[in-house]
Amino acid sequence: MTLLPILVAAYLLGSVPFAIISSRLFGLADPREYGSGNPGATNVLRSGNKAAAIMTLVGDCAKGWLAVWAVARLGFSPQEAALAGLAAFFGHVFSVFLKFKGGKGVATALGVLTGINGWLALSALAVWLVVALVTRYSSAAALAAAASAPLAGIVMFDNPTIVGVLLLMTAVLVWRHAGNIRKLKDGTEGKIGGGKKG
């Protein structure tokens, strides 16, 4: 079995928009029409429906993990499994089902980290939690966690491919949060649990 069709399948898996699915199941507005307009768990939470937000978070995280886990189970190398995770991450950010306009990729990236190594995921999650609790800014927490992942990867792995995957995901996450970075500087960024914002 060659890697290319596996990467395509991982991309399609990552493209599944759980924010849209959960919102429709719970009878909510399309998350692209309120708040930040981002089809992700944090924005779904702004609807006030925690169950829908949790479903989105779990779904987006699970697809990143599943891509890595499944490819590893098929007998591919850890490097190839990490590349499948990267494909799923790109699927979420550039979803073919949403005209290549997907989410920011935080939860899916966490799933990919979990598939690569549980301790790597826990270290990034710990950074996210600390920053989120202190600042109540999901975007600031995501950026801090993203920055920590490649650093942890360099320490944990002697594997340029895996570290490269982590660096690329971090770069995309920072790029996808450019608007949030501007809002953080301006003091206009919405906080976790802040409700809907136009």
N, C-alpha and C. Protein backbone atom coordinates (compact mmCIF):
# COMPACT_ATOMS: atom_id res chain seq x y z
N MET A 1 0.84 -1.19 0.00
CA MET A 1 0.00 0.00 0.00
C MET A 1 0.88 1.25 0.00
N THR A 2 0.62 2.16 -0.94
CA THR A 2 1.42 3.37 -1.02
C THR A 2 0.86 4.44 -0.09
N LEU A 3 1.72 5.41 0.22
CA LEU A 3 1.34 6.42 1.20
C LEU A 3 0.38 7.46 0.64
N LEU A 4 0.48 7.79 -0.65
CA LEU A 4 -0.31 8.89 -1.21
C LEU A 4 -1.81 8.73 -0.99
N PRO A 5 -2.43 7.57 -1.34
CA PRO A 5 -3.88 7.46 -1.09
C PRO A 5 -4.22 7.53 0.40
N ILE A 6 -3.30 7.10 1.25
CA ILE A 6 -3.52 7.20 2.69
C ILE A 6 -3.56 8.67 3.11
N LEU A 7 -2.67 9.48 2.56
CA LEU A 7 -2.66 10.90 2.89
C LEU A 7 -3.92 11.60 2.39
N VAL A 8 -4.40 11.19 1.21
CA VAL A 8 -5.65 11.76 0.68
C VAL A 8 -6.81 11.40 1.60
N ALA A 9 -6.86 10.14 2.05
CA ALA A 9 -7.92 9.72 2.97
C ALA A 9 -7.85 10.48 4.28
N ALA A 10 -6.62 10.70 4.78
CA ALA A 10 -6.44 11.46 6.03
C ALA A 10 -6.91 12.90 5.85
N TYR A 11 -6.62 13.47 4.69
CA TYR A 11 -7.08 14.83 4.40
C TYR A 11 -8.61 14.90 4.40
N LEU A 12 -9.25 13.93 3.78
CA LEU A 12 -10.71 13.91 3.72
C LEU A 12 -11.31 13.73 5.12
N LEU A 13 -10.67 12.89 5.92
CA LEU A 13 -11.11 12.71 7.31
C LEU A 13 -11.01 14.03 8.06
N GLY A 14 -9.90 14.72 7.90
CA GLY A 14 -9.73 16.00 8.57
C GLY A 14 -10.69 17.06 8.09
N SER A 15 -11.20 16.91 6.88
CA SER A 15 -12.11 17.91 6.30
C SER A 15 -13.51 17.84 6.89
N VAL A 16 -13.85 16.77 7.61
CA VAL A 16 -15.20 16.63 8.18
C VAL A 16 -15.42 17.77 9.19
N PRO A 17 -16.40 18.65 8.97
CA PRO A 17 -16.60 19.83 9.83
C PRO A 17 -17.51 19.54 11.03
N PHE A 18 -16.93 19.11 12.11
CA PHE A 18 -17.74 18.75 13.27
C PHE A 18 -18.47 19.94 13.88
N ALA A 19 -17.94 21.15 13.71
CA ALA A 19 -18.64 22.33 14.23
C ALA A 19 -19.99 22.50 13.53
N ILE A 20 -20.01 22.26 12.23
CA ILE A 20 -21.25 22.38 11.46
C ILE A 20 -22.19 21.23 11.82
N ILE A 21 -21.63 20.02 11.92
CA ILE A 21 -22.44 18.85 12.23
C ILE A 21 -23.09 18.98 13.61
N SER A 22 -22.30 19.33 14.61
CA SER A 22 -22.84 19.43 15.97
C SER A 22 -23.86 20.56 16.07
N SER A 23 -23.60 21.67 15.40
CA SER A 23 -24.54 22.79 15.43
C SER A 23 -25.88 22.40 14.83
N ARG A 24 -25.86 21.66 13.74
CA ARG A 24 -27.12 21.22 13.13
C ARG A 24 -27.83 20.20 14.00
N LEU A 25 -27.09 19.31 14.62
CA LEU A 25 -27.71 18.31 15.50
C LEU A 25 -28.39 18.95 16.69
N PHE A 26 -27.82 20.05 17.20
CA PHE A 26 -28.39 20.73 18.36
C PHE A 26 -29.29 21.90 17.97
N GLY A 27 -29.55 22.06 16.68
CA GLY A 27 -30.46 23.10 16.23
C GLY A 27 -29.91 24.50 16.41
N LEU A 28 -28.60 24.65 16.29
CA LEU A 28 -27.96 25.96 16.48
C LEU A 28 -27.69 26.64 15.15
N ALA A 29 -27.41 27.92 15.21
CA ALA A 29 -27.02 28.65 14.01
C ALA A 29 -25.67 28.16 13.51
N ASP A 30 -25.44 28.37 12.25
CA ASP A 30 -24.14 28.03 11.66
C ASP A 30 -23.05 28.85 12.37
N PRO A 31 -22.02 28.19 12.92
CA PRO A 31 -20.99 28.93 13.67
C PRO A 31 -20.19 29.91 12.82
N ARG A 32 -20.33 29.82 11.51
CA ARG A 32 -19.66 30.77 10.63
C ARG A 32 -20.41 32.10 10.55
N GLU A 33 -21.60 32.15 11.19
CA GLU A 33 -22.45 33.34 11.10
C GLU A 33 -22.46 34.17 12.37
N TYR A 34 -21.66 33.80 13.38
CA TYR A 34 -21.62 34.60 14.60
C TYR A 34 -20.23 34.50 15.22
N GLY A 35 -20.00 35.32 16.25
CA GLY A 35 -18.72 35.29 16.94
C GLY A 35 -17.57 35.58 16.01
N SER A 36 -16.57 34.72 16.07
CA SER A 36 -15.39 34.89 15.22
C SER A 36 -15.63 34.39 13.80
N GLY A 37 -16.74 33.66 13.61
CA GLY A 37 -17.02 33.08 12.30
C GLY A 37 -16.24 31.82 12.03
N ASN A 38 -15.51 31.35 13.03
CA ASN A 38 -14.67 30.17 12.87
C ASN A 38 -15.46 28.90 13.19
N PRO A 39 -15.43 27.90 12.31
CA PRO A 39 -16.11 26.64 12.59
C PRO A 39 -15.28 25.74 13.51
N GLY A 40 -15.23 26.14 14.78
CA GLY A 40 -14.45 25.40 15.76
C GLY A 40 -15.15 25.38 17.10
N ALA A 41 -14.60 24.63 18.04
CA ALA A 41 -15.25 24.42 19.34
C ALA A 41 -15.41 25.71 20.13
N THR A 42 -14.40 26.57 20.14
CA THR A 42 -14.48 27.81 20.92
C THR A 42 -15.61 28.69 20.44
N ASN A 43 -15.78 28.78 19.13
CA ASN A 43 -16.86 29.62 18.62
C ASN A 43 -18.22 28.98 18.85
N VAL A 44 -18.31 27.65 18.75
CA VAL A 44 -19.57 26.97 19.05
C VAL A 44 -19.95 27.21 20.51
N LEU A 45 -18.95 27.27 21.38
CA LEU A 45 -19.22 27.55 22.79
C LEU A 45 -19.89 28.90 22.97
N ARG A 46 -19.60 29.84 22.09
CA ARG A 46 -20.21 31.17 22.17
C ARG A 46 -21.72 31.12 21.94
N SER A 47 -22.20 30.00 21.39
CA SER A 47 -23.65 29.84 21.20
C SER A 47 -24.34 29.62 22.53
N GLY A 48 -23.56 29.26 23.56
CA GLY A 48 -24.13 28.96 24.87
C GLY A 48 -24.42 27.49 25.07
N ASN A 49 -24.23 26.68 24.04
CA ASN A 49 -24.51 25.25 24.12
C ASN A 49 -23.20 24.49 24.36
N LYS A 50 -22.96 24.12 25.62
CA LYS A 50 -21.71 23.46 25.97
C LYS A 50 -21.61 22.06 25.37
N ALA A 51 -22.75 21.37 25.27
CA ALA A 51 -22.73 20.01 24.71
C ALA A 51 -22.28 20.03 23.25
N ALA A 52 -22.77 21.00 22.49
CA ALA A 52 -22.37 21.11 21.09
C ALA A 52 -20.90 21.45 20.98
N ALA A 53 -20.42 22.31 21.88
CA ALA A 53 -19.00 22.68 21.86
C ALA A 53 -18.13 21.48 22.19
N ILE A 54 -18.55 20.68 23.18
CA ILE A 54 -17.79 19.49 23.55
C ILE A 54 -17.76 18.48 22.41
N MET A 55 -18.91 18.30 21.77
CA MET A 55 -18.97 17.38 20.63
C MET A 55 -18.04 17.84 19.52
N THR A 56 -17.99 19.13 19.27
CA THR A 56 -17.09 19.67 18.25
C THR A 56 -15.64 19.44 18.64
N LEU A 57 -15.31 19.73 19.89
CA LEU A 57 -13.95 19.56 20.37
C LEU A 57 -13.49 18.11 20.25
N VAL A 58 -14.34 17.20 20.72
CA VAL A 58 -13.98 15.77 20.67
C VAL A 58 -13.85 15.29 19.23
N GLY A 59 -14.79 15.67 18.38
CA GLY A 59 -14.75 15.25 16.99
C GLY A 59 -13.52 15.76 16.26
N ASP A 60 -13.22 17.05 16.43
CA ASP A 60 -12.06 17.63 15.75
C ASP A 60 -10.75 17.03 16.26
N CYS A 61 -10.70 16.77 17.55
CA CYS A 61 -9.50 16.16 18.13
C CYS A 61 -9.36 14.71 17.66
N ALA A 62 -10.48 13.99 17.66
CA ALA A 62 -10.46 12.56 17.32
C ALA A 62 -9.98 12.31 15.89
N LYS A 63 -10.36 13.19 14.96
CA LYS A 63 -9.97 12.93 13.58
C LYS A 63 -8.46 13.10 13.38
N GLY A 64 -7.85 14.01 14.13
CA GLY A 64 -6.39 14.13 14.07
C GLY A 64 -5.70 12.91 14.64
N TRP A 65 -6.22 12.44 15.80
CA TRP A 65 -5.65 11.24 16.42
C TRP A 65 -5.85 10.02 15.53
N LEU A 66 -7.05 9.86 14.99
CA LEU A 66 -7.38 8.67 14.21
C LEU A 66 -6.49 8.55 12.98
N ALA A 67 -6.20 9.66 12.34
CA ALA A 67 -5.34 9.62 11.15
C ALA A 67 -3.97 9.05 11.48
N VAL A 68 -3.39 9.52 12.57
CA VAL A 68 -2.05 9.03 12.97
C VAL A 68 -2.13 7.58 13.41
N TRP A 69 -3.10 7.27 14.26
CA TRP A 69 -3.23 5.92 14.81
C TRP A 69 -3.47 4.89 13.71
N ALA A 70 -4.39 5.19 12.80
CA ALA A 70 -4.75 4.23 11.75
C ALA A 70 -3.57 3.94 10.83
N VAL A 71 -2.84 4.98 10.45
CA VAL A 71 -1.71 4.78 9.55
C VAL A 71 -0.60 3.98 10.24
N ALA A 72 -0.38 4.24 11.52
CA ALA A 72 0.59 3.45 12.26
C ALA A 72 0.16 1.99 12.34
N ARG A 73 -1.14 1.75 12.54
CA ARG A 73 -1.66 0.38 12.62
C ARG A 73 -1.54 -0.36 11.29
N LEU A 74 -1.53 0.40 10.20
CA LEU A 74 -1.38 -0.22 8.88
C LEU A 74 0.06 -0.61 8.59
N GLY A 75 0.97 -0.29 9.50
CA GLY A 75 2.35 -0.70 9.35
C GLY A 75 3.29 0.35 8.82
N PHE A 76 2.80 1.57 8.67
CA PHE A 76 3.67 2.64 8.21
C PHE A 76 4.54 3.13 9.36
N SER A 77 5.61 3.83 9.02
CA SER A 77 6.56 4.31 10.01
C SER A 77 5.97 5.45 10.83
N PRO A 78 6.56 5.77 12.00
CA PRO A 78 6.11 6.93 12.78
C PRO A 78 6.14 8.22 11.99
N GLN A 79 7.15 8.37 11.13
CA GLN A 79 7.23 9.57 10.30
C GLN A 79 6.05 9.66 9.34
N GLU A 80 5.71 8.54 8.71
CA GLU A 80 4.59 8.52 7.77
C GLU A 80 3.27 8.73 8.50
N ALA A 81 3.15 8.18 9.70
CA ALA A 81 1.94 8.39 10.50
C ALA A 81 1.80 9.87 10.86
N ALA A 82 2.92 10.51 11.19
CA ALA A 82 2.89 11.94 11.50
C ALA A 82 2.48 12.75 10.27
N LEU A 83 2.92 12.36 9.10
CA LEU A 83 2.52 13.04 7.87
C LEU A 83 1.03 12.89 7.62
N ALA A 84 0.48 11.71 7.95
CA ALA A 84 -0.97 11.52 7.83
C ALA A 84 -1.71 12.45 8.78
N GLY A 85 -1.16 12.64 9.98
CA GLY A 85 -1.75 13.59 10.91
C GLY A 85 -1.72 15.00 10.35
N LEU A 86 -0.61 15.34 9.71
CA LEU A 86 -0.49 16.66 9.09
C LEU A 86 -1.53 16.83 7.99
N ALA A 87 -1.77 15.76 7.22
CA ALA A 87 -2.78 15.81 6.15
C ALA A 87 -4.16 16.04 6.75
N ALA A 88 -4.47 15.38 7.86
CA ALA A 88 -5.76 15.58 8.53
C ALA A 88 -5.88 17.01 9.05
N PHE A 89 -4.79 17.53 9.58
CA PHE A 89 -4.76 18.92 10.06
C PHE A 89 -5.05 19.89 8.93
N PHE A 90 -4.41 19.68 7.78
CA PHE A 90 -4.66 20.54 6.62
C PHE A 90 -6.10 20.37 6.13
N GLY A 91 -6.64 19.15 6.26
CA GLY A 91 -8.03 18.94 5.89
C GLY A 91 -8.97 19.79 6.73
N HIS A 92 -8.67 19.90 8.02
CA HIS A 92 -9.51 20.72 8.89
C HIS A 92 -9.38 22.20 8.55
N VAL A 93 -8.17 22.66 8.34
CA VAL A 93 -7.93 24.08 8.07
C VAL A 93 -8.42 24.48 6.67
N PHE A 94 -8.26 23.56 5.71
CA PHE A 94 -8.68 23.82 4.33
C PHE A 94 -9.67 22.74 3.91
N SER A 95 -10.83 22.73 4.55
CA SER A 95 -11.80 21.66 4.33
C SER A 95 -12.40 21.69 2.94
N VAL A 96 -12.33 20.56 2.25
CA VAL A 96 -12.90 20.47 0.92
C VAL A 96 -14.41 20.59 0.98
N PHE A 97 -15.01 20.27 2.13
CA PHE A 97 -16.46 20.34 2.28
C PHE A 97 -16.94 21.77 2.60
N LEU A 98 -16.01 22.66 2.91
CA LEU A 98 -16.37 24.06 3.21
C LEU A 98 -15.68 25.02 2.25
N LYS A 99 -15.48 24.55 1.02
CA LYS A 99 -14.84 25.34 -0.02
C LYS A 99 -13.44 25.80 0.42
N PHE A 100 -12.75 24.89 1.11
CA PHE A 100 -11.36 25.10 1.56
C PHE A 100 -11.24 26.23 2.59
N LYS A 101 -12.33 26.51 3.30
CA LYS A 101 -12.31 27.49 4.38
C LYS A 101 -12.74 26.78 5.66
N GLY A 102 -11.78 26.23 6.38
CA GLY A 102 -12.09 25.46 7.57
C GLY A 102 -11.78 26.19 8.85
N GLY A 103 -11.57 25.40 9.90
CA GLY A 103 -11.28 25.96 11.22
C GLY A 103 -9.82 26.32 11.36
N LYS A 104 -9.47 26.71 12.58
CA LYS A 104 -8.10 27.15 12.83
C LYS A 104 -7.16 25.98 13.16
N GLY A 105 -7.72 24.84 13.53
CA GLY A 105 -6.90 23.63 13.64
C GLY A 105 -6.36 23.28 15.01
N VAL A 106 -6.78 24.01 16.05
CA VAL A 106 -6.20 23.78 17.37
C VAL A 106 -6.53 22.39 17.90
N ALA A 107 -7.82 22.03 17.91
CA ALA A 107 -8.22 20.72 18.43
C ALA A 107 -7.66 19.58 17.58
N THR A 108 -7.69 19.75 16.26
CA THR A 108 -7.15 18.71 15.38
C THR A 108 -5.65 18.54 15.59
N ALA A 109 -4.95 19.65 15.78
CA ALA A 109 -3.52 19.57 16.07
C ALA A 109 -3.27 18.81 17.37
N LEU A 110 -4.11 19.04 18.38
CA LEU A 110 -3.97 18.30 19.64
C LEU A 110 -4.17 16.82 19.41
N GLY A 111 -5.13 16.46 18.56
CA GLY A 111 -5.34 15.06 18.23
C GLY A 111 -4.14 14.44 17.54
N VAL A 112 -3.53 15.21 16.64
CA VAL A 112 -2.32 14.73 15.96
C VAL A 112 -1.20 14.51 16.97
N LEU A 113 -1.03 15.45 17.89
CA LEU A 113 0.00 15.30 18.93
C LEU A 113 -0.27 14.05 19.76
N THR A 114 -1.54 13.80 20.08
CA THR A 114 -1.89 12.62 20.86
C THR A 114 -1.53 11.35 20.12
N GLY A 115 -1.77 11.33 18.82
CA GLY A 115 -1.42 10.17 18.02
C GLY A 115 0.07 9.94 17.93
N ILE A 116 0.83 11.03 17.86
CA ILE A 116 2.29 10.93 17.77
C ILE A 116 2.88 10.45 19.10
N ASN A 117 2.46 11.10 20.18
CA ASN A 117 2.98 10.74 21.51
C ASN A 117 2.09 11.40 22.57
N GLY A 118 1.58 10.59 23.48
CA GLY A 118 0.68 11.10 24.51
C GLY A 118 1.30 12.17 25.39
N TRP A 119 2.59 12.00 25.73
CA TRP A 119 3.26 12.99 26.58
C TRP A 119 3.43 14.32 25.87
N LEU A 120 3.65 14.25 24.57
CA LEU A 120 3.75 15.47 23.77
C LEU A 120 2.43 16.24 23.82
N ALA A 121 1.33 15.51 23.67
CA ALA A 121 0.01 16.13 23.73
C ALA A 121 -0.27 16.71 25.11
N LEU A 122 0.09 15.97 26.15
CA LEU A 122 -0.15 16.45 27.51
C LEU A 122 0.63 17.72 27.82
N SER A 123 1.85 17.80 27.31
CA SER A 123 2.66 19.00 27.55
C SER A 123 2.02 20.22 26.88
N ALA A 124 1.54 20.05 25.65
CA ALA A 124 0.89 21.16 24.95
C ALA A 124 -0.43 21.52 25.62
N LEU A 125 -1.18 20.50 26.05
CA LEU A 125 -2.45 20.74 26.72
C LEU A 125 -2.24 21.48 28.04
N ALA A 126 -1.18 21.13 28.76
CA ALA A 126 -0.88 21.80 30.02
C ALA A 126 -0.60 23.29 29.79
N VAL A 127 0.17 23.58 28.73
CA VAL A 127 0.44 24.98 28.39
C VAL A 127 -0.85 25.70 28.05
N TRP A 128 -1.71 25.05 27.26
CA TRP A 128 -2.98 25.66 26.89
C TRP A 128 -3.82 25.97 28.13
N LEU A 129 -3.93 25.01 29.02
CA LEU A 129 -4.76 25.19 30.22
C LEU A 129 -4.26 26.32 31.10
N VAL A 130 -2.95 26.36 31.32
CA VAL A 130 -2.38 27.40 32.18
C VAL A 130 -2.65 28.79 31.59
N VAL A 131 -2.35 28.95 30.31
CA VAL A 131 -2.54 30.26 29.67
C VAL A 131 -4.02 30.62 29.60
N ALA A 132 -4.88 29.63 29.31
CA ALA A 132 -6.32 29.90 29.24
C ALA A 132 -6.87 30.31 30.61
N LEU A 133 -6.43 29.63 31.66
CA LEU A 133 -6.91 29.96 33.01
C LEU A 133 -6.45 31.35 33.45
N VAL A 134 -5.23 31.69 33.08
CA VAL A 134 -4.67 32.98 33.50
C VAL A 134 -5.28 34.13 32.69
N THR A 135 -5.41 33.94 31.37
CA THR A 135 -5.82 35.05 30.51
C THR A 135 -7.29 35.00 30.08
N ARG A 136 -7.86 33.79 30.06
CA ARG A 136 -9.22 33.54 29.54
C ARG A 136 -9.31 33.84 28.04
N TYR A 137 -8.18 33.85 27.39
CA TYR A 137 -8.14 34.02 25.93
C TYR A 137 -7.78 32.68 25.30
N SER A 138 -8.74 32.10 24.58
CA SER A 138 -8.47 30.83 23.91
C SER A 138 -7.37 30.98 22.86
N SER A 139 -7.36 32.10 22.16
CA SER A 139 -6.37 32.31 21.11
C SER A 139 -4.96 32.39 21.68
N ALA A 140 -4.80 33.12 22.80
CA ALA A 140 -3.48 33.22 23.43
C ALA A 140 -3.01 31.85 23.91
N ALA A 141 -3.94 31.07 24.47
CA ALA A 141 -3.60 29.73 24.94
C ALA A 141 -3.19 28.84 23.77
N ALA A 142 -3.92 28.95 22.66
CA ALA A 142 -3.60 28.14 21.48
C ALA A 142 -2.23 28.49 20.92
N LEU A 143 -1.93 29.77 20.86
CA LEU A 143 -0.63 30.20 20.33
C LEU A 143 0.51 29.73 21.23
N ALA A 144 0.32 29.81 22.54
CA ALA A 144 1.36 29.35 23.46
C ALA A 144 1.57 27.85 23.35
N ALA A 145 0.47 27.09 23.27
CA ALA A 145 0.57 25.64 23.14
C ALA A 145 1.23 25.25 21.83
N ALA A 146 0.86 25.96 20.76
CA ALA A 146 1.45 25.69 19.44
C ALA A 146 2.95 25.93 19.46
N ALA A 147 3.36 27.01 20.10
CA ALA A 147 4.79 27.32 20.16
C ALA A 147 5.56 26.30 20.98
N SER A 148 4.89 25.73 21.98
CA SER A 148 5.58 24.78 22.86
C SER A 148 5.78 23.41 22.21
N ALA A 149 4.91 23.04 21.26
CA ALA A 149 4.95 21.69 20.69
C ALA A 149 6.26 21.37 19.97
N PRO A 150 6.75 22.23 19.05
CA PRO A 150 8.02 21.91 18.39
C PRO A 150 9.19 21.86 19.36
N LEU A 151 9.16 22.73 20.37
CA LEU A 151 10.23 22.72 21.36
C LEU A 151 10.25 21.41 22.12
N ALA A 152 9.06 20.95 22.52
CA ALA A 152 8.96 19.66 23.21
C ALA A 152 9.37 18.52 22.26
N GLY A 153 8.99 18.66 20.99
CA GLY A 153 9.35 17.63 20.01
C GLY A 153 10.84 17.50 19.81
N ILE A 154 11.54 18.63 19.82
CA ILE A 154 13.00 18.60 19.67
C ILE A 154 13.63 17.85 20.84
N VAL A 155 13.09 18.07 22.03
CA VAL A 155 13.61 17.41 23.22
C VAL A 155 13.28 15.92 23.23
N MET A 156 12.07 15.58 22.79
CA MET A 156 11.58 14.20 22.92
C MET A 156 12.00 13.29 21.77
N PHE A 157 12.18 13.84 20.58
CA PHE A 157 12.42 13.00 19.40
C PHE A 157 13.71 13.38 18.69
N ASP A 158 14.41 12.36 18.22
CA ASP A 158 15.53 12.57 17.32
C ASP A 158 15.04 12.22 15.92
N ASN A 159 14.06 13.01 15.45
CA ASN A 159 13.37 12.68 14.21
C ASN A 159 13.01 13.97 13.48
N PRO A 160 13.80 14.36 12.49
CA PRO A 160 13.55 15.62 11.78
C PRO A 160 12.18 15.71 11.13
N THR A 161 11.65 14.59 10.64
CA THR A 161 10.34 14.61 9.98
C THR A 161 9.24 14.98 10.97
N ILE A 162 9.25 14.34 12.13
CA ILE A 162 8.23 14.63 13.13
C ILE A 162 8.34 16.07 13.63
N VAL A 163 9.57 16.51 13.89
CA VAL A 163 9.76 17.90 14.32
C VAL A 163 9.31 18.86 13.21
N GLY A 164 9.59 18.50 11.97
CA GLY A 164 9.15 19.33 10.85
C GLY A 164 7.63 19.43 10.78
N VAL A 165 6.94 18.31 11.02
CA VAL A 165 5.47 18.32 11.05
C VAL A 165 4.98 19.27 12.14
N LEU A 166 5.60 19.20 13.31
CA LEU A 166 5.20 20.07 14.42
C LEU A 166 5.44 21.54 14.10
N LEU A 167 6.57 21.83 13.48
CA LEU A 167 6.89 23.21 13.10
C LEU A 167 5.89 23.74 12.07
N LEU A 168 5.53 22.89 11.10
CA LEU A 168 4.60 23.32 10.06
C LEU A 168 3.22 23.58 10.64
N MET A 169 2.76 22.70 11.53
CA MET A 169 1.46 22.94 12.17
C MET A 169 1.48 24.22 12.98
N THR A 170 2.58 24.47 13.68
CA THR A 170 2.70 25.71 14.47
C THR A 170 2.64 26.93 13.56
N ALA A 171 3.34 26.89 12.45
CA ALA A 171 3.35 28.03 11.52
C ALA A 171 1.94 28.31 11.00
N VAL A 172 1.21 27.25 10.64
CA VAL A 172 -0.16 27.43 10.13
C VAL A 172 -1.08 27.95 11.23
N LEU A 173 -0.93 27.43 12.44
CA LEU A 173 -1.75 27.90 13.55
C LEU A 173 -1.53 29.39 13.83
N VAL A 174 -0.28 29.81 13.81
CA VAL A 174 0.02 31.24 14.02
C VAL A 174 -0.60 32.07 12.90
N TRP A 175 -0.46 31.61 11.66
CA TRP A 175 -1.04 32.31 10.51
C TRP A 175 -2.56 32.40 10.63
N ARG A 176 -3.20 31.30 11.05
CA ARG A 176 -4.67 31.29 11.16
C ARG A 176 -5.14 32.18 12.31
N HIS A 177 -4.25 32.47 13.24
CA HIS A 177 -4.61 33.32 14.38
C HIS A 177 -4.14 34.77 14.20
N ALA A 178 -3.79 35.15 12.98
CA ALA A 178 -3.29 36.52 12.75
C ALA A 178 -4.30 37.56 13.21
N GLY A 179 -5.57 37.33 12.89
CA GLY A 179 -6.61 38.26 13.31
C GLY A 179 -6.75 38.32 14.82
N ASN A 180 -6.62 37.17 15.46
CA ASN A 180 -6.70 37.14 16.92
C ASN A 180 -5.53 37.88 17.56
N ILE A 181 -4.36 37.75 16.94
CA ILE A 181 -3.18 38.44 17.47
C ILE A 181 -3.40 39.95 17.41
N ARG A 182 -3.99 40.43 16.32
CA ARG A 182 -4.28 41.87 16.21
C ARG A 182 -5.30 42.29 17.28
N LYS A 183 -6.31 41.46 17.50
CA LYS A 183 -7.33 41.79 18.51
C LYS A 183 -6.75 41.75 19.92
N LEU A 184 -5.83 40.81 20.17
CA LEU A 184 -5.18 40.76 21.47
C LEU A 184 -4.39 42.05 21.72
N LYS A 185 -3.72 42.53 20.68
CA LYS A 185 -2.96 43.77 20.81
C LYS A 185 -3.87 44.96 21.05
N ASP A 186 -5.06 44.92 20.40
CA ASP A 186 -6.00 46.04 20.51
C ASP A 186 -6.88 45.95 21.75
N GLY A 187 -6.86 44.79 22.42
CA GLY A 187 -7.72 44.59 23.59
C GLY A 187 -9.16 44.32 23.24
N THR A 188 -9.41 43.84 22.01
CA THR A 188 -10.78 43.58 21.57
C THR A 188 -11.08 42.10 21.39
N GLU A 189 -10.15 41.24 21.73
CA GLU A 189 -10.34 39.80 21.57
C GLU A 189 -11.38 39.29 22.57
N GLY A 190 -12.30 38.44 22.09
CA GLY A 190 -13.31 37.86 22.96
C GLY A 190 -12.71 36.80 23.88
N LYS A 191 -13.22 36.76 25.10
CA LYS A 191 -12.70 35.80 26.08
C LYS A 191 -13.54 34.53 26.10
N ILE A 192 -12.99 33.47 26.63
CA ILE A 192 -13.69 32.19 26.73
C ILE A 192 -14.95 32.37 27.55
N GLY A 193 -16.09 31.89 26.99
CA GLY A 193 -17.36 32.01 27.68
C GLY A 193 -17.97 33.39 27.60
N GLY A 194 -17.46 34.20 26.65
CA GLY A 194 -17.93 35.58 26.54
C GLY A 194 -19.24 35.76 25.82
N GLY A 195 -19.79 34.66 25.29
CA GLY A 195 -21.06 34.75 24.57
C GLY A 195 -20.87 35.18 23.12
N LYS A 196 -22.00 35.35 22.42
CA LYS A 196 -21.93 35.72 21.00
C LYS A 196 -21.45 37.15 20.82
N LYS A 197 -20.68 37.33 19.75
CA LYS A 197 -20.26 38.68 19.36
C LYS A 197 -20.40 38.81 17.86
N GLY A 198 -20.88 39.92 17.42
CA GLY A 198 -21.09 40.13 15.99
C GLY A 198 -19.79 40.45 15.30
